[in-house]
């Protein structure tokens, strides 16, 4: 779920604050990517760092030159609230090293170009659903379902029988769609479930932890700053 990038972004933000220096969201994104990809040599992309630094809903574009464009997605407050209430974050019960799944996906890129372009095209569809008042937000859940099916094709490390069973259970009990957060293999799944069906879904999950959350639009920030 981007935990490693979130930690690194937060740590850098803290270090700069202790030094009395203010760092922009763009700078902290760039430095986090450098640390994770060049210094630590992790199999990670660049989107988690953007999410953690900027917060909110953004349309992110990565150019071949290495430039990153971050465009805020404008959503009406009432529609945003409905979306927030329709999402459930569920722990799979599996802790994993995301680099294994990420590394396998990187290795398989030449064979998965078609799937990757299909996933990219779904971003445009999701943007239209979220920002268009006339669209039913349930369509967003359906797009999550399509994305999950494509994501599983990228590597055998993305899902497991236990994860597939969890996914099927949620869908059978009222969920519309969902996907695994992060590279794959474990961690959390995000599901679109209409509020009236969420109690039934929770009951069907037995011991799987459901984590309440709210959207954040500020990204990494210093909460308390008391320089000596």
Protein backbone atom coordinates (compact mmCIF):
# COMPACT_ATOMS: atom_id res chain seq x y z
CA UNK A 1 0.00 0.00 0.00
CA UNK A 2 2.95 2.29 -0.56
CA UNK A 3 4.12 1.95 3.04
CA UNK A 4 7.85 2.05 2.23
CA UNK A 5 7.50 5.21 0.13
CA UNK A 6 5.23 6.82 2.74
CA UNK A 7 7.82 6.10 5.42
CA UNK A 8 10.68 7.51 3.35
CA UNK A 9 8.71 10.64 2.41
CA UNK A 10 7.78 11.23 6.06
CA UNK A 11 11.34 10.61 7.27
CA UNK A 12 12.81 13.06 4.75
CA UNK A 13 10.20 15.65 5.63
CA UNK A 14 11.10 15.28 9.31
CA UNK A 15 14.86 15.53 8.71
CA UNK A 16 14.47 18.70 6.67
CA UNK A 17 12.18 20.19 9.33
CA UNK A 18 14.76 19.43 12.05
CA UNK A 19 17.30 21.31 9.95
CA UNK A 20 14.91 24.24 9.67
CA UNK A 21 14.48 23.76 5.94
CA UNK A 22 11.23 23.69 3.98
CA UNK A 23 11.11 21.25 1.06
CA UNK A 24 8.53 21.28 -1.74
CA UNK A 25 6.35 18.31 -2.59
CA UNK A 26 8.16 18.00 -5.92
CA UNK A 27 11.58 17.93 -4.25
CA UNK A 28 10.61 15.39 -1.64
CA UNK A 29 9.10 13.17 -4.35
CA UNK A 30 12.29 13.34 -6.41
CA UNK A 31 14.56 12.63 -3.45
CA UNK A 32 12.44 9.70 -2.25
CA UNK A 33 12.49 8.13 -5.72
CA UNK A 34 16.28 8.53 -5.80
CA UNK A 35 16.72 6.90 -2.37
CA UNK A 36 14.47 3.93 -3.12
CA UNK A 37 15.51 3.28 -6.72
CA UNK A 38 19.18 4.32 -6.79
CA UNK A 39 20.53 4.02 -3.24
CA UNK A 40 18.54 1.10 -1.84
CA UNK A 41 18.01 -0.49 -5.28
CA UNK A 42 14.43 -1.52 -4.51
CA UNK A 43 12.10 -2.80 -7.22
CA UNK A 44 9.71 0.13 -6.93
CA UNK A 45 8.03 2.51 -9.33
CA UNK A 46 7.49 6.23 -8.82
CA UNK A 47 3.79 6.68 -8.15
CA UNK A 48 3.73 5.80 -4.44
CA UNK A 49 6.21 8.57 -3.70
CA UNK A 50 3.96 11.08 -5.51
CA UNK A 51 0.89 9.90 -3.58
CA UNK A 52 2.64 10.18 -0.21
CA UNK A 53 4.13 13.61 -0.88
CA UNK A 54 1.13 15.27 -2.52
CA UNK A 55 -1.94 13.55 -1.05
CA UNK A 56 -5.38 13.90 -2.60
CA UNK A 57 -6.66 12.74 -5.97
CA UNK A 58 -4.22 13.37 -8.79
CA UNK A 59 -3.80 12.47 -12.42
CA UNK A 60 -0.09 11.59 -12.64
CA UNK A 61 1.80 11.38 -15.91
CA UNK A 62 5.36 10.07 -16.23
CA UNK A 63 7.35 11.16 -19.27
CA UNK A 64 10.25 9.27 -20.82
CA UNK A 65 12.48 12.21 -19.87
CA UNK A 66 11.84 11.48 -16.21
CA UNK A 67 9.54 14.45 -15.63
CA UNK A 68 6.45 13.89 -13.49
CA UNK A 69 3.25 15.85 -14.01
CA UNK A 70 0.78 15.99 -11.12
CA UNK A 71 -2.67 17.37 -11.96
CA UNK A 72 -5.22 17.55 -9.11
CA UNK A 73 -8.54 15.89 -9.92
CA UNK A 74 -11.41 18.20 -9.04
CA UNK A 75 -14.36 16.36 -7.49
CA UNK A 76 -17.44 17.97 -5.98
CA UNK A 77 -17.50 17.56 -2.16
CA UNK A 78 -20.81 15.67 -2.03
CA UNK A 79 -19.64 13.22 -4.70
CA UNK A 80 -16.31 12.82 -2.93
CA UNK A 81 -18.11 11.94 0.30
CA UNK A 82 -20.17 9.26 -1.45
CA UNK A 83 -17.01 7.77 -2.93
CA UNK A 84 -15.26 7.80 0.45
CA UNK A 85 -18.19 6.04 2.13
CA UNK A 86 -18.28 3.41 -0.64
CA UNK A 87 -14.70 2.22 -0.20
CA UNK A 88 -13.50 -0.49 2.18
CA UNK A 89 -9.88 -1.22 3.01
CA UNK A 90 -9.37 -4.86 3.98
CA UNK A 91 -6.21 -6.56 5.24
CA UNK A 92 -5.53 -9.82 3.43
CA UNK A 93 -3.83 -11.32 6.47
CA UNK A 94 -0.63 -11.69 4.45
CA UNK A 95 2.46 -9.63 5.14
CA UNK A 96 4.95 -9.66 2.28
CA UNK A 97 7.98 -8.06 0.67
CA UNK A 98 6.50 -6.11 -2.24
CA UNK A 99 9.82 -6.14 -4.10
CA UNK A 100 9.32 -9.81 -5.03
CA UNK A 101 6.09 -9.17 -6.93
CA UNK A 102 7.40 -5.87 -8.30
CA UNK A 103 10.59 -7.50 -9.56
CA UNK A 104 8.67 -10.24 -11.32
CA UNK A 105 6.38 -7.68 -12.99
CA UNK A 106 9.41 -5.71 -14.20
CA UNK A 107 10.90 -8.88 -15.65
CA UNK A 108 7.64 -9.62 -17.46
CA UNK A 109 7.14 -6.14 -18.97
CA UNK A 110 8.10 -7.17 -22.55
CA UNK A 111 5.37 -9.82 -22.51
CA UNK A 112 2.74 -7.62 -20.87
CA UNK A 113 2.72 -4.46 -22.99
CA UNK A 114 -0.91 -4.99 -24.10
CA UNK A 115 -2.10 -5.47 -20.51
CA UNK A 116 -0.21 -2.38 -19.34
CA UNK A 117 -1.79 -0.22 -22.04
CA UNK A 118 -5.24 -1.55 -21.11
CA UNK A 119 -4.61 -0.59 -17.47
CA UNK A 120 -3.47 2.86 -18.59
CA UNK A 121 -6.65 3.33 -20.62
CA UNK A 122 -8.74 2.44 -17.57
CA UNK A 123 -7.25 5.48 -15.83
CA UNK A 124 -9.02 7.74 -18.34
CA UNK A 125 -12.27 5.84 -17.81
CA UNK A 126 -11.98 6.17 -14.03
CA UNK A 127 -11.26 9.90 -14.33
CA UNK A 128 -14.47 10.40 -16.32
CA UNK A 129 -16.55 8.39 -13.85
CA UNK A 130 -15.25 10.21 -10.78
CA UNK A 131 -15.52 13.73 -12.20
CA UNK A 132 -18.80 13.42 -14.13
CA UNK A 133 -21.87 14.10 -11.93
CA UNK A 134 -24.08 12.12 -14.32
CA UNK A 135 -22.03 8.95 -13.93
CA UNK A 136 -22.94 6.29 -11.39
CA UNK A 137 -19.99 5.81 -9.02
CA UNK A 138 -20.64 2.07 -9.08
CA UNK A 139 -18.93 2.20 -12.48
CA UNK A 140 -15.74 3.03 -10.59
CA UNK A 141 -16.10 -0.25 -8.72
CA UNK A 142 -16.52 -2.09 -12.02
CA UNK A 143 -13.32 -0.48 -13.30
CA UNK A 144 -11.49 -1.65 -10.17
CA UNK A 145 -12.63 -5.16 -11.01
CA UNK A 146 -11.29 -4.88 -14.57
CA UNK A 147 -8.01 -3.46 -13.29
CA UNK A 148 -7.60 -6.31 -10.82
CA UNK A 149 -8.10 -8.93 -13.53
CA UNK A 150 -5.44 -7.24 -15.68
CA UNK A 151 -3.05 -6.76 -12.78
CA UNK A 152 -3.12 -10.48 -11.99
CA UNK A 153 -1.95 -11.19 -15.55
CA UNK A 154 1.24 -9.18 -14.99
CA UNK A 155 2.81 -11.75 -12.66
CA UNK A 156 2.06 -14.98 -10.83
CA UNK A 157 3.29 -13.20 -7.68
CA UNK A 158 0.44 -10.67 -7.65
CA UNK A 159 -2.25 -12.89 -6.13
CA UNK A 160 -2.54 -16.07 -4.08
CA UNK A 161 -5.37 -18.58 -3.53
CA UNK A 162 -6.09 -16.88 -0.19
CA UNK A 163 -6.32 -13.45 -1.82
CA UNK A 164 -8.56 -14.80 -4.60
CA UNK A 165 -10.83 -16.37 -1.99
CA UNK A 166 -11.04 -13.06 -0.11
CA UNK A 167 -11.88 -11.19 -3.29
CA UNK A 168 -14.58 -13.66 -4.30
CA UNK A 169 -16.13 -13.50 -0.82
CA UNK A 170 -16.46 -9.71 -0.96
CA UNK A 171 -17.98 -9.77 -4.45
CA UNK A 172 -20.47 -12.51 -3.50
CA UNK A 173 -21.65 -10.45 -0.54
CA UNK A 174 -22.29 -7.18 -2.33
CA UNK A 175 -18.94 -5.80 -3.40
CA UNK A 176 -18.74 -4.41 -6.93
CA UNK A 177 -15.00 -4.50 -7.48
CA UNK A 178 -11.63 -4.06 -5.89
CA UNK A 179 -7.91 -4.48 -6.26
CA UNK A 180 -4.83 -5.20 -4.25
CA UNK A 181 -2.94 -2.13 -3.10
CA UNK A 182 0.76 -2.10 -3.89
CA UNK A 183 2.79 -4.55 -5.94
CA UNK A 184 0.96 -7.70 -4.86
CA UNK A 185 1.29 -10.88 -2.86
CA UNK A 186 -0.39 -9.54 0.28
CA UNK A 187 -1.05 -6.38 2.21
CA UNK A 188 -4.36 -4.56 1.78
CA UNK A 189 -7.19 -4.72 -0.74
CA UNK A 190 -9.41 -1.75 -1.60
CA UNK A 191 -13.03 -2.59 -2.43
CA UNK A 192 -15.94 -0.57 -3.74
CA UNK A 193 -18.96 -1.62 -1.70
CA UNK A 194 -22.13 0.45 -1.48
CA UNK A 195 -22.76 1.50 2.15
CA UNK A 196 -25.92 -0.61 2.51
CA UNK A 197 -23.90 -3.78 1.75
CA UNK A 198 -20.87 -3.12 3.93
CA UNK A 199 -22.20 -4.74 7.11
CA UNK A 200 -22.85 -7.97 5.18
CA UNK A 201 -19.36 -7.86 3.67
CA UNK A 202 -17.74 -7.32 7.08
CA UNK A 203 -19.66 -10.23 8.53
CA UNK A 204 -18.55 -12.50 5.70
CA UNK A 205 -14.87 -11.64 6.20
CA UNK A 206 -14.69 -13.19 9.68
CA UNK A 207 -11.22 -12.34 10.99
CA UNK A 208 -10.03 -10.05 8.20
CA UNK A 209 -9.38 -6.56 9.50
CA UNK A 210 -11.34 -3.71 7.89
CA UNK A 211 -9.59 -0.38 8.37
CA UNK A 212 -11.56 2.86 8.43
CA UNK A 213 -9.96 5.77 6.60
CA UNK A 214 -10.60 9.24 5.27
CA UNK A 215 -9.20 10.93 2.18
CA UNK A 216 -6.22 13.19 2.83
CA UNK A 217 -5.44 16.13 0.57
CA UNK A 218 -2.32 17.55 2.19
CA UNK A 219 0.17 14.71 1.78
CA UNK A 220 3.11 14.39 4.14
CA UNK A 221 3.17 17.25 6.65
CA UNK A 222 4.87 18.28 9.86
CA UNK A 223 2.27 18.21 12.64
CA UNK A 224 4.42 19.58 15.46
CA UNK A 225 7.45 21.79 14.87
CA UNK A 226 9.26 23.05 17.95
CA UNK A 227 12.86 23.92 17.04
CA UNK A 228 15.30 24.19 19.92
